Amino acid sequence: MKTKYRYTPLFESGELRHAGFRPENIAALVEEGVIERVKHGYYRLSYAADLEEEQLIALLYPDGVICRYSALCHFGYSDWTPSAWDIAVDRNTSKARFNIEYPPISPFYMTKEHLAYGVMQDDFNGIMLNVFDRDRLICEVIRSERKIDAEIFRKAVQAYVNDERHSISRLIEYASKRGMSKRVEERVGIWLV
């Protein structure tokens, strides 16, 4: 059996059991305050309680992609700060992974195919996280138009069009993959005139 070793203040119960701790030992460590439970099956050393949200997200959701309101805020397309981190994940991911109190997470489920393109790594307060690039982000925002506040939607599309780093050709490519080319052209085209 392959064992993964890593130096991190966050660890799984399986790693503790592999190191020789029995469930009653783990419970005693929690009771004594040496470790604390982050969520079912995940623990961290008590000194690590001051980890930033970005660090926890990188450790708990390395397969996730920052999206929607969180990404809009990150790229400066919205000045509204979301109350939870919007993270796109594989639709086959266990929903139990998101039953945590901190950091607050709002998962968005997608097929692996749709998680495979338009993803980049970017700096979130010194931590590198996966995030949809600007063009993929706006494509997804347009796809979710009815679920997004109208004012935030309008400002985000306008900010995207005014951003010199946008790529309309990439946006059209992503829209084609999502089966929404006409809709994207209608929403972005009015700002390009």
N, C-alpha and C. Protein backbone atom coordinates (compact mmCIF):
# COMPACT_ATOMS: atom_id res chain seq x y z
N MET A 1 0.83 -1.18 0.00
CA MET A 1 0.00 0.00 0.00
C MET A 1 0.88 1.24 0.00
N LYS A 2 0.57 2.17 -0.89
CA LYS A 2 1.32 3.43 -0.98
C LYS A 2 0.85 4.38 0.10
N THR A 3 1.78 5.01 0.79
CA THR A 3 1.43 5.99 1.80
C THR A 3 1.97 7.33 1.36
N LYS A 4 1.15 8.36 1.50
CA LYS A 4 1.61 9.69 1.14
C LYS A 4 2.09 10.38 2.40
N TYR A 5 3.27 10.93 2.34
CA TYR A 5 3.80 11.68 3.46
C TYR A 5 3.87 13.14 3.06
N ARG A 6 3.46 13.98 3.96
CA ARG A 6 3.51 15.41 3.68
C ARG A 6 3.69 16.14 5.00
N TYR A 7 4.33 17.27 4.93
CA TYR A 7 4.47 18.09 6.12
C TYR A 7 3.45 19.20 6.01
N THR A 8 2.41 19.10 6.79
CA THR A 8 1.35 20.10 6.79
C THR A 8 0.66 20.05 8.13
N PRO A 9 0.17 21.18 8.60
CA PRO A 9 -0.54 21.16 9.87
C PRO A 9 -1.92 20.52 9.77
N LEU A 10 -2.35 20.13 8.58
CA LEU A 10 -3.65 19.50 8.37
C LEU A 10 -3.44 18.06 7.96
N PHE A 11 -4.17 17.12 8.59
CA PHE A 11 -3.97 15.71 8.27
C PHE A 11 -5.28 14.94 8.42
N GLU A 12 -5.30 13.79 7.79
CA GLU A 12 -6.48 12.94 7.79
C GLU A 12 -6.39 11.92 8.92
N SER A 13 -7.55 11.44 9.35
CA SER A 13 -7.57 10.44 10.43
C SER A 13 -6.82 9.18 10.01
N GLY A 14 -6.88 8.83 8.71
CA GLY A 14 -6.15 7.67 8.22
C GLY A 14 -4.65 7.80 8.41
N GLU A 15 -4.13 9.02 8.28
CA GLU A 15 -2.71 9.25 8.50
C GLU A 15 -2.36 9.05 9.97
N LEU A 16 -3.25 9.48 10.85
CA LEU A 16 -3.02 9.27 12.29
C LEU A 16 -3.04 7.79 12.63
N ARG A 17 -4.02 7.06 12.06
CA ARG A 17 -4.09 5.61 12.31
C ARG A 17 -2.84 4.91 11.77
N HIS A 18 -2.38 5.34 10.61
CA HIS A 18 -1.16 4.75 10.03
C HIS A 18 0.05 5.01 10.93
N ALA A 19 0.04 6.14 11.61
CA ALA A 19 1.14 6.48 12.52
C ALA A 19 1.01 5.76 13.87
N GLY A 20 -0.05 4.96 14.05
CA GLY A 20 -0.19 4.17 15.27
C GLY A 20 -1.22 4.69 16.26
N PHE A 21 -1.92 5.77 15.93
CA PHE A 21 -2.94 6.29 16.83
C PHE A 21 -4.25 5.54 16.62
N ARG A 22 -4.84 5.10 17.72
CA ARG A 22 -6.15 4.46 17.65
C ARG A 22 -7.22 5.53 17.84
N PRO A 23 -8.47 5.24 17.46
CA PRO A 23 -9.54 6.24 17.60
C PRO A 23 -9.63 6.87 18.99
N GLU A 24 -9.43 6.06 20.03
CA GLU A 24 -9.49 6.62 21.38
C GLU A 24 -8.32 7.57 21.67
N ASN A 25 -7.15 7.29 21.05
CA ASN A 25 -6.01 8.20 21.19
C ASN A 25 -6.29 9.54 20.51
N ILE A 26 -6.91 9.46 19.32
CA ILE A 26 -7.26 10.67 18.57
C ILE A 26 -8.25 11.50 19.36
N ALA A 27 -9.26 10.84 19.93
CA ALA A 27 -10.26 11.54 20.75
C ALA A 27 -9.60 12.21 21.95
N ALA A 28 -8.64 11.54 22.57
CA ALA A 28 -7.94 12.12 23.73
C ALA A 28 -7.12 13.35 23.31
N LEU A 29 -6.48 13.28 22.14
CA LEU A 29 -5.70 14.42 21.65
C LEU A 29 -6.60 15.63 21.40
N VAL A 30 -7.81 15.37 20.89
CA VAL A 30 -8.77 16.46 20.67
C VAL A 30 -9.20 17.04 22.01
N GLU A 31 -9.52 16.16 22.98
CA GLU A 31 -9.97 16.60 24.29
C GLU A 31 -8.89 17.41 25.02
N GLU A 32 -7.64 17.01 24.84
CA GLU A 32 -6.52 17.72 25.50
C GLU A 32 -6.16 19.01 24.77
N GLY A 33 -6.71 19.22 23.57
CA GLY A 33 -6.42 20.45 22.84
C GLY A 33 -5.15 20.41 22.01
N VAL A 34 -4.57 19.23 21.85
CA VAL A 34 -3.35 19.11 21.04
C VAL A 34 -3.69 19.24 19.56
N ILE A 35 -4.80 18.59 19.17
CA ILE A 35 -5.30 18.71 17.80
C ILE A 35 -6.76 19.14 17.87
N GLU A 36 -7.26 19.66 16.76
CA GLU A 36 -8.68 20.00 16.68
C GLU A 36 -9.25 19.46 15.38
N ARG A 37 -10.52 19.11 15.44
CA ARG A 37 -11.21 18.55 14.28
C ARG A 37 -11.65 19.70 13.37
N VAL A 38 -11.25 19.64 12.10
CA VAL A 38 -11.65 20.64 11.11
C VAL A 38 -12.99 20.22 10.52
N LYS A 39 -13.09 18.95 10.16
CA LYS A 39 -14.32 18.33 9.68
C LYS A 39 -14.12 16.84 9.82
N HIS A 40 -15.16 16.07 9.52
CA HIS A 40 -15.06 14.62 9.68
C HIS A 40 -13.84 14.07 8.94
N GLY A 41 -12.97 13.43 9.70
CA GLY A 41 -11.79 12.80 9.11
C GLY A 41 -10.60 13.71 8.90
N TYR A 42 -10.72 15.00 9.23
CA TYR A 42 -9.63 15.95 9.04
C TYR A 42 -9.32 16.68 10.34
N TYR A 43 -8.06 16.76 10.67
CA TYR A 43 -7.62 17.40 11.91
C TYR A 43 -6.47 18.34 11.61
N ARG A 44 -6.21 19.22 12.55
CA ARG A 44 -5.03 20.08 12.45
C ARG A 44 -4.49 20.27 13.85
N LEU A 45 -3.20 20.59 13.90
CA LEU A 45 -2.59 20.91 15.18
C LEU A 45 -3.21 22.18 15.71
N SER A 46 -3.39 22.26 16.99
CA SER A 46 -4.07 23.43 17.57
C SER A 46 -3.34 24.73 17.27
N TYR A 47 -2.02 24.70 17.18
CA TYR A 47 -1.30 25.94 16.86
C TYR A 47 -1.61 26.43 15.45
N ALA A 48 -2.18 25.54 14.63
CA ALA A 48 -2.46 25.91 13.24
C ALA A 48 -3.84 26.56 13.09
N ALA A 49 -4.50 26.85 14.21
CA ALA A 49 -5.85 27.41 14.14
C ALA A 49 -5.89 28.77 13.47
N ASP A 50 -4.75 29.43 13.40
CA ASP A 50 -4.73 30.76 12.79
C ASP A 50 -4.36 30.73 11.31
N LEU A 51 -4.50 29.57 10.68
CA LEU A 51 -4.24 29.49 9.24
C LEU A 51 -5.23 30.38 8.50
N GLU A 52 -4.77 31.02 7.47
CA GLU A 52 -5.64 31.84 6.63
C GLU A 52 -6.60 30.94 5.85
N GLU A 53 -7.74 31.50 5.45
CA GLU A 53 -8.71 30.74 4.68
C GLU A 53 -8.09 30.17 3.41
N GLU A 54 -7.27 30.95 2.73
CA GLU A 54 -6.64 30.51 1.49
C GLU A 54 -5.78 29.27 1.72
N GLN A 55 -5.07 29.22 2.84
CA GLN A 55 -4.23 28.06 3.15
C GLN A 55 -5.09 26.82 3.36
N LEU A 56 -6.19 26.98 4.09
CA LEU A 56 -7.08 25.85 4.32
C LEU A 56 -7.70 25.36 3.01
N ILE A 57 -8.09 26.27 2.15
CA ILE A 57 -8.68 25.88 0.87
C ILE A 57 -7.66 25.11 0.03
N ALA A 58 -6.42 25.59 0.00
CA ALA A 58 -5.37 24.89 -0.75
C ALA A 58 -5.16 23.48 -0.22
N LEU A 59 -5.27 23.31 1.10
CA LEU A 59 -5.06 21.99 1.71
C LEU A 59 -6.29 21.08 1.57
N LEU A 60 -7.47 21.63 1.76
CA LEU A 60 -8.69 20.82 1.74
C LEU A 60 -9.22 20.54 0.34
N TYR A 61 -9.02 21.49 -0.58
CA TYR A 61 -9.63 21.38 -1.92
C TYR A 61 -8.61 21.64 -3.03
N PRO A 62 -7.54 20.86 -3.09
CA PRO A 62 -6.54 21.09 -4.15
C PRO A 62 -7.11 20.85 -5.55
N ASP A 63 -8.22 20.12 -5.64
CA ASP A 63 -8.85 19.83 -6.92
C ASP A 63 -9.91 20.86 -7.29
N GLY A 64 -10.21 21.80 -6.40
CA GLY A 64 -11.24 22.79 -6.65
C GLY A 64 -10.74 23.97 -7.46
N VAL A 65 -11.70 24.71 -8.04
CA VAL A 65 -11.37 25.88 -8.85
C VAL A 65 -12.21 27.05 -8.33
N ILE A 66 -11.57 28.12 -7.94
CA ILE A 66 -12.28 29.31 -7.46
C ILE A 66 -13.10 29.86 -8.63
N CYS A 67 -14.37 30.16 -8.36
CA CYS A 67 -15.26 30.60 -9.43
C CYS A 67 -16.25 31.66 -8.93
N ARG A 68 -17.18 32.01 -9.77
CA ARG A 68 -18.28 32.93 -9.50
C ARG A 68 -17.89 34.16 -8.70
N TYR A 69 -18.62 34.45 -7.62
CA TYR A 69 -18.41 35.70 -6.87
C TYR A 69 -16.98 35.82 -6.34
N SER A 70 -16.41 34.71 -5.87
CA SER A 70 -15.05 34.75 -5.33
C SER A 70 -14.04 35.15 -6.40
N ALA A 71 -14.20 34.59 -7.61
CA ALA A 71 -13.29 34.93 -8.71
C ALA A 71 -13.55 36.35 -9.22
N LEU A 72 -14.82 36.76 -9.27
CA LEU A 72 -15.13 38.14 -9.69
C LEU A 72 -14.45 39.14 -8.77
N CYS A 73 -14.51 38.89 -7.48
CA CYS A 73 -13.87 39.75 -6.49
C CYS A 73 -12.35 39.73 -6.68
N HIS A 74 -11.79 38.53 -6.88
CA HIS A 74 -10.34 38.38 -7.05
C HIS A 74 -9.82 39.18 -8.24
N PHE A 75 -10.53 39.14 -9.36
CA PHE A 75 -10.09 39.85 -10.56
C PHE A 75 -10.50 41.32 -10.58
N GLY A 76 -11.20 41.76 -9.54
CA GLY A 76 -11.61 43.16 -9.46
C GLY A 76 -12.83 43.47 -10.32
N TYR A 77 -13.59 42.45 -10.71
CA TYR A 77 -14.79 42.65 -11.51
C TYR A 77 -16.01 42.93 -10.64
N SER A 78 -15.84 42.81 -9.34
CA SER A 78 -16.91 43.10 -8.39
C SER A 78 -16.28 43.61 -7.10
N ASP A 79 -16.95 44.57 -6.47
CA ASP A 79 -16.46 45.04 -5.18
C ASP A 79 -17.26 44.44 -4.03
N TRP A 80 -18.18 43.53 -4.36
CA TRP A 80 -18.97 42.83 -3.35
C TRP A 80 -18.18 41.62 -2.87
N THR A 81 -17.96 41.52 -1.57
CA THR A 81 -17.21 40.41 -1.00
C THR A 81 -18.18 39.30 -0.62
N PRO A 82 -18.03 38.12 -1.20
CA PRO A 82 -18.94 37.01 -0.89
C PRO A 82 -18.74 36.50 0.54
N SER A 83 -19.79 35.91 1.10
CA SER A 83 -19.72 35.38 2.46
C SER A 83 -19.12 33.98 2.50
N ALA A 84 -19.02 33.33 1.34
CA ALA A 84 -18.42 32.00 1.26
C ALA A 84 -17.56 31.92 0.01
N TRP A 85 -16.64 30.99 0.00
CA TRP A 85 -15.78 30.76 -1.16
C TRP A 85 -16.55 29.92 -2.18
N ASP A 86 -16.67 30.43 -3.39
CA ASP A 86 -17.29 29.68 -4.49
C ASP A 86 -16.22 28.81 -5.13
N ILE A 87 -16.43 27.50 -5.09
CA ILE A 87 -15.44 26.56 -5.61
C ILE A 87 -16.12 25.56 -6.53
N ALA A 88 -15.64 25.47 -7.77
CA ALA A 88 -16.13 24.49 -8.73
C ALA A 88 -15.37 23.18 -8.50
N VAL A 89 -16.13 22.08 -8.46
CA VAL A 89 -15.53 20.76 -8.24
C VAL A 89 -16.22 19.74 -9.14
N ASP A 90 -15.59 18.60 -9.26
CA ASP A 90 -16.15 17.49 -10.03
C ASP A 90 -17.51 17.12 -9.43
N ARG A 91 -18.48 16.90 -10.30
CA ARG A 91 -19.83 16.60 -9.80
C ARG A 91 -19.91 15.27 -9.06
N ASN A 92 -18.89 14.43 -9.19
CA ASN A 92 -18.85 13.15 -8.46
C ASN A 92 -18.18 13.28 -7.09
N THR A 93 -17.78 14.49 -6.73
CA THR A 93 -17.15 14.73 -5.44
C THR A 93 -18.18 14.55 -4.33
N SER A 94 -17.77 13.93 -3.25
CA SER A 94 -18.67 13.73 -2.11
C SER A 94 -19.08 15.08 -1.52
N LYS A 95 -20.37 15.23 -1.32
CA LYS A 95 -20.89 16.47 -0.75
C LYS A 95 -20.45 16.63 0.71
N ALA A 96 -20.08 15.54 1.35
CA ALA A 96 -19.62 15.59 2.74
C ALA A 96 -18.33 16.40 2.88
N ARG A 97 -17.56 16.51 1.82
CA ARG A 97 -16.32 17.28 1.87
C ARG A 97 -16.57 18.75 2.22
N PHE A 98 -17.78 19.22 1.99
CA PHE A 98 -18.07 20.64 2.17
C PHE A 98 -18.86 20.92 3.45
N ASN A 99 -19.04 19.91 4.27
CA ASN A 99 -19.74 20.09 5.55
C ASN A 99 -18.75 20.56 6.61
N ILE A 100 -18.26 21.76 6.42
CA ILE A 100 -17.34 22.35 7.38
C ILE A 100 -17.84 23.75 7.73
N GLU A 101 -17.46 24.19 8.91
CA GLU A 101 -17.86 25.53 9.33
C GLU A 101 -16.90 26.59 8.83
N TYR A 102 -15.61 26.24 8.78
CA TYR A 102 -14.61 27.22 8.39
C TYR A 102 -13.57 26.56 7.52
N PRO A 103 -13.21 27.16 6.44
CA PRO A 103 -13.80 28.35 5.84
C PRO A 103 -15.14 28.02 5.19
N PRO A 104 -16.02 29.02 5.11
CA PRO A 104 -17.32 28.76 4.47
C PRO A 104 -17.13 28.51 2.97
N ILE A 105 -17.74 27.42 2.49
CA ILE A 105 -17.57 26.99 1.10
C ILE A 105 -18.93 26.87 0.42
N SER A 106 -19.01 27.33 -0.81
CA SER A 106 -20.20 27.15 -1.63
C SER A 106 -19.76 26.39 -2.89
N PRO A 107 -19.98 25.06 -2.92
CA PRO A 107 -19.51 24.27 -4.06
C PRO A 107 -20.41 24.39 -5.28
N PHE A 108 -19.80 24.30 -6.46
CA PHE A 108 -20.51 24.27 -7.73
C PHE A 108 -20.02 23.03 -8.46
N TYR A 109 -20.94 22.13 -8.76
CA TYR A 109 -20.59 20.85 -9.34
C TYR A 109 -20.62 20.89 -10.86
N MET A 110 -19.54 20.34 -11.47
CA MET A 110 -19.41 20.30 -12.93
C MET A 110 -18.82 18.96 -13.34
N THR A 111 -18.94 18.66 -14.61
CA THR A 111 -18.29 17.44 -15.12
C THR A 111 -16.78 17.68 -15.16
N LYS A 112 -16.03 16.59 -15.14
CA LYS A 112 -14.57 16.69 -15.25
C LYS A 112 -14.18 17.41 -16.53
N GLU A 113 -14.94 17.13 -17.59
CA GLU A 113 -14.67 17.75 -18.89
C GLU A 113 -14.70 19.28 -18.78
N HIS A 114 -15.66 19.82 -18.06
CA HIS A 114 -15.79 21.28 -17.95
C HIS A 114 -14.84 21.89 -16.92
N LEU A 115 -14.23 21.05 -16.10
CA LEU A 115 -13.22 21.54 -15.16
C LEU A 115 -11.82 21.50 -15.75
N ALA A 116 -11.70 20.98 -16.96
CA ALA A 116 -10.38 20.74 -17.55
C ALA A 116 -9.84 21.90 -18.39
N TYR A 117 -10.62 22.96 -18.59
CA TYR A 117 -10.12 24.05 -19.43
C TYR A 117 -10.45 25.40 -18.79
N GLY A 118 -9.64 26.40 -19.16
CA GLY A 118 -9.85 27.74 -18.65
C GLY A 118 -9.46 27.91 -17.19
N VAL A 119 -8.59 27.05 -16.70
CA VAL A 119 -8.16 27.10 -15.30
C VAL A 119 -6.71 27.56 -15.25
N MET A 120 -6.44 28.45 -14.35
CA MET A 120 -5.07 28.94 -14.12
C MET A 120 -4.80 28.94 -12.63
N GLN A 121 -3.57 29.11 -12.25
CA GLN A 121 -3.23 29.30 -10.84
C GLN A 121 -2.91 30.77 -10.65
N ASP A 122 -3.40 31.32 -9.54
CA ASP A 122 -3.14 32.72 -9.26
C ASP A 122 -2.92 32.90 -7.77
N ASP A 123 -2.32 34.02 -7.43
CA ASP A 123 -1.95 34.33 -6.06
C ASP A 123 -3.13 34.91 -5.28
N PHE A 124 -3.53 34.23 -4.22
CA PHE A 124 -4.57 34.69 -3.30
C PHE A 124 -3.89 34.90 -1.96
N ASN A 125 -3.52 36.14 -1.68
CA ASN A 125 -2.83 36.47 -0.42
C ASN A 125 -1.62 35.58 -0.16
N GLY A 126 -0.82 35.37 -1.18
CA GLY A 126 0.41 34.59 -1.03
C GLY A 126 0.25 33.10 -1.22
N ILE A 127 -0.95 32.63 -1.47
CA ILE A 127 -1.22 31.21 -1.68
C ILE A 127 -1.70 31.02 -3.11
N MET A 128 -1.12 30.06 -3.81
CA MET A 128 -1.53 29.78 -5.19
C MET A 128 -2.75 28.86 -5.18
N LEU A 129 -3.83 29.34 -5.79
CA LEU A 129 -5.06 28.57 -5.89
C LEU A 129 -5.49 28.47 -7.35
N ASN A 130 -6.20 27.39 -7.68
CA ASN A 130 -6.79 27.27 -9.01
C ASN A 130 -7.96 28.23 -9.11
N VAL A 131 -8.06 28.90 -10.25
CA VAL A 131 -9.17 29.84 -10.49
C VAL A 131 -9.47 29.82 -11.98
N PHE A 132 -10.74 29.99 -12.33
CA PHE A 132 -11.06 30.13 -13.75
C PHE A 132 -10.42 31.40 -14.26
N ASP A 133 -9.82 31.35 -15.46
CA ASP A 133 -9.24 32.57 -16.02
C ASP A 133 -10.37 33.55 -16.34
N ARG A 134 -10.03 34.77 -16.64
CA ARG A 134 -11.02 35.84 -16.84
C ARG A 134 -12.10 35.47 -17.86
N ASP A 135 -11.66 34.87 -18.96
CA ASP A 135 -12.58 34.55 -20.05
C ASP A 135 -13.53 33.42 -19.66
N ARG A 136 -13.00 32.41 -19.01
CA ARG A 136 -13.85 31.29 -18.55
C ARG A 136 -14.80 31.77 -17.45
N LEU A 137 -14.30 32.64 -16.58
CA LEU A 137 -15.13 33.18 -15.50
C LEU A 137 -16.36 33.90 -16.07
N ILE A 138 -16.15 34.78 -17.04
CA ILE A 138 -17.27 35.52 -17.60
C ILE A 138 -18.22 34.58 -18.34
N CYS A 139 -17.68 33.57 -18.99
CA CYS A 139 -18.52 32.56 -19.64
C CYS A 139 -19.44 31.91 -18.59
N GLU A 140 -18.88 31.52 -17.45
CA GLU A 140 -19.67 30.88 -16.39
C GLU A 140 -20.65 31.87 -15.76
N VAL A 141 -20.25 33.12 -15.63
CA VAL A 141 -21.14 34.14 -15.07
C VAL A 141 -22.35 34.32 -15.99
N ILE A 142 -22.10 34.38 -17.28
CA ILE A 142 -23.21 34.50 -18.23
C ILE A 142 -24.10 33.27 -18.17
N ARG A 143 -23.49 32.11 -18.02
CA ARG A 143 -24.26 30.87 -17.90
C ARG A 143 -25.17 30.91 -16.67
N SER A 144 -24.72 31.54 -15.61
CA SER A 144 -25.48 31.61 -14.35
C SER A 144 -26.21 32.94 -14.17
N GLU A 145 -26.42 33.65 -15.24
CA GLU A 145 -26.98 35.01 -15.18
C GLU A 145 -28.21 35.11 -14.28
N ARG A 146 -29.13 34.18 -14.39
CA ARG A 146 -30.37 34.25 -13.60
C ARG A 146 -30.15 34.05 -12.11
N LYS A 147 -29.02 33.47 -11.74
CA LYS A 147 -28.74 33.19 -10.33
C LYS A 147 -27.85 34.26 -9.70
N ILE A 148 -27.40 35.23 -10.50
CA ILE A 148 -26.49 36.27 -10.02
C ILE A 148 -27.24 37.59 -9.95
N ASP A 149 -26.94 38.37 -8.93
CA ASP A 149 -27.54 39.69 -8.80
C ASP A 149 -27.34 40.48 -10.09
N ALA A 150 -28.41 41.12 -10.57
CA ALA A 150 -28.39 41.81 -11.88
C ALA A 150 -27.33 42.91 -11.93
N GLU A 151 -27.19 43.68 -10.86
CA GLU A 151 -26.21 44.77 -10.84
C GLU A 151 -24.78 44.23 -10.85
N ILE A 152 -24.55 43.17 -10.07
CA ILE A 152 -23.22 42.54 -10.06
C ILE A 152 -22.92 41.97 -11.43
N PHE A 153 -23.90 41.34 -12.05
CA PHE A 153 -23.73 40.76 -13.38
C PHE A 153 -23.33 41.85 -14.39
N ARG A 154 -24.09 42.94 -14.42
CA ARG A 154 -23.83 44.01 -15.38
C ARG A 154 -22.43 44.60 -15.18
N LYS A 155 -22.07 44.88 -13.93
CA LYS A 155 -20.75 45.46 -13.64
C LYS A 155 -19.62 44.49 -14.00
N ALA A 156 -19.84 43.20 -13.74
CA ALA A 156 -18.81 42.20 -14.04
C ALA A 156 -18.54 42.11 -15.53
N VAL A 157 -19.60 42.05 -16.33
CA VAL A 157 -19.42 41.96 -17.79
C VAL A 157 -18.76 43.23 -18.31
N GLN A 158 -19.18 44.37 -17.80
CA GLN A 158 -18.59 45.65 -18.22
C GLN A 158 -17.11 45.72 -17.82
N ALA A 159 -16.79 45.28 -16.61
CA ALA A 159 -15.39 45.28 -16.17
C ALA A 159 -14.54 44.34 -17.01
N TYR A 160 -15.10 43.19 -17.37
CA TYR A 160 -14.39 42.23 -18.23
C TYR A 160 -14.07 42.86 -19.58
N VAL A 161 -15.06 43.48 -20.20
CA VAL A 161 -14.87 44.10 -21.51
C VAL A 161 -13.81 45.20 -21.44
N ASN A 162 -13.78 45.94 -20.34
CA ASN A 162 -12.80 47.03 -20.18
C ASN A 162 -11.41 46.53 -19.77
N ASP A 163 -11.30 45.28 -19.37
CA ASP A 163 -10.03 44.70 -18.94
C ASP A 163 -9.19 44.38 -20.17
N GLU A 164 -8.03 45.00 -20.29
CA GLU A 164 -7.19 44.78 -21.48
C GLU A 164 -6.63 43.37 -21.55
N ARG A 165 -6.73 42.59 -20.47
CA ARG A 165 -6.23 41.21 -20.48
C ARG A 165 -7.26 40.20 -20.97
N HIS A 166 -8.47 40.65 -21.32
CA HIS A 166 -9.48 39.70 -21.79
C HIS A 166 -9.14 39.23 -23.20
N SER A 167 -9.71 38.09 -23.56
CA SER A 167 -9.53 37.53 -24.89
C SER A 167 -10.89 37.07 -25.40
N ILE A 168 -11.46 37.84 -26.31
CA ILE A 168 -12.77 37.50 -26.85
C ILE A 168 -12.72 36.16 -27.57
N SER A 169 -11.62 35.87 -28.26
CA SER A 169 -11.54 34.59 -28.98
C SER A 169 -11.56 33.42 -28.00
N ARG A 170 -10.89 33.55 -26.86
CA ARG A 170 -10.92 32.50 -25.84
C ARG A 170 -12.32 32.39 -25.23
N LEU A 171 -12.96 33.54 -25.00
CA LEU A 171 -14.33 33.54 -24.47
C LEU A 171 -15.27 32.79 -25.41
N ILE A 172 -15.15 33.05 -26.71
CA ILE A 172 -15.99 32.38 -27.70
C ILE A 172 -15.70 30.87 -27.72
N GLU A 173 -14.42 30.52 -27.58
CA GLU A 173 -14.04 29.10 -27.54
C GLU A 173 -14.69 28.41 -26.33
N TYR A 174 -14.61 29.04 -25.16
CA TYR A 174 -15.22 28.47 -23.95
C TYR A 174 -16.74 28.41 -24.08
N ALA A 175 -17.33 29.44 -24.65
CA ALA A 175 -18.78 29.47 -24.83
C ALA A 175 -19.23 28.33 -25.73
N SER A 176 -18.45 28.06 -26.76
CA SER A 176 -18.76 26.96 -27.67
C SER A 176 -18.73 25.63 -26.92
N LYS A 177 -17.73 25.43 -26.07
CA LYS A 177 -17.63 24.20 -25.29
C LYS A 177 -18.79 24.05 -24.32
N ARG A 178 -19.32 25.17 -23.85
CA ARG A 178 -20.45 25.14 -22.91
C ARG A 178 -21.80 25.19 -23.62
N GLY A 179 -21.77 25.27 -24.97
CA GLY A 179 -23.00 25.27 -25.75
C GLY A 179 -23.82 26.53 -25.57
N MET A 180 -23.14 27.67 -25.49
CA MET A 180 -23.85 28.92 -25.26
C MET A 180 -23.25 30.09 -26.02
N SER A 181 -22.76 29.82 -27.22
CA SER A 181 -22.10 30.85 -28.03
C SER A 181 -22.99 32.06 -28.30
N LYS A 182 -24.22 31.81 -28.71
CA LYS A 182 -25.12 32.91 -29.04
C LYS A 182 -25.39 33.79 -27.82
N ARG A 183 -25.63 33.16 -26.71
CA ARG A 183 -25.91 33.90 -25.47
C ARG A 183 -24.74 34.78 -25.05
N VAL A 184 -23.52 34.25 -25.16
CA VAL A 184 -22.33 35.02 -24.80
C VAL A 184 -22.16 36.19 -25.76
N GLU A 185 -22.34 35.95 -27.04
CA GLU A 185 -22.23 37.04 -28.02
C GLU A 185 -23.24 38.14 -27.74
N GLU A 186 -24.46 37.75 -27.36
CA GLU A 186 -25.49 38.76 -27.05
C GLU A 186 -25.12 39.58 -25.82
N ARG A 187 -24.61 38.93 -24.78
CA ARG A 187 -24.32 39.63 -23.52
C ARG A 187 -23.06 40.49 -23.59
N VAL A 188 -22.04 39.99 -24.28
CA VAL A 188 -20.77 40.74 -24.34
C VAL A 188 -20.77 41.70 -25.51
N GLY A 189 -21.40 41.35 -26.60
CA GLY A 189 -21.41 42.17 -27.80
C GLY A 189 -21.93 43.56 -27.59
N ILE A 190 -22.94 43.74 -26.73
CA ILE A 190 -23.49 45.07 -26.51
C ILE A 190 -22.48 46.02 -25.89
N TRP A 191 -21.50 45.47 -25.18
CA TRP A 191 -20.48 46.31 -24.54
C TRP A 191 -19.31 46.60 -25.46
N LEU A 192 -19.18 45.84 -26.52
CA LEU A 192 -18.04 46.01 -27.43
C LEU A 192 -18.27 47.07 -28.48
N VAL A 193 -19.51 47.57 -28.65
CA VAL A 193 -19.80 48.58 -29.67
C VAL A 193 -19.39 49.96 -29.22
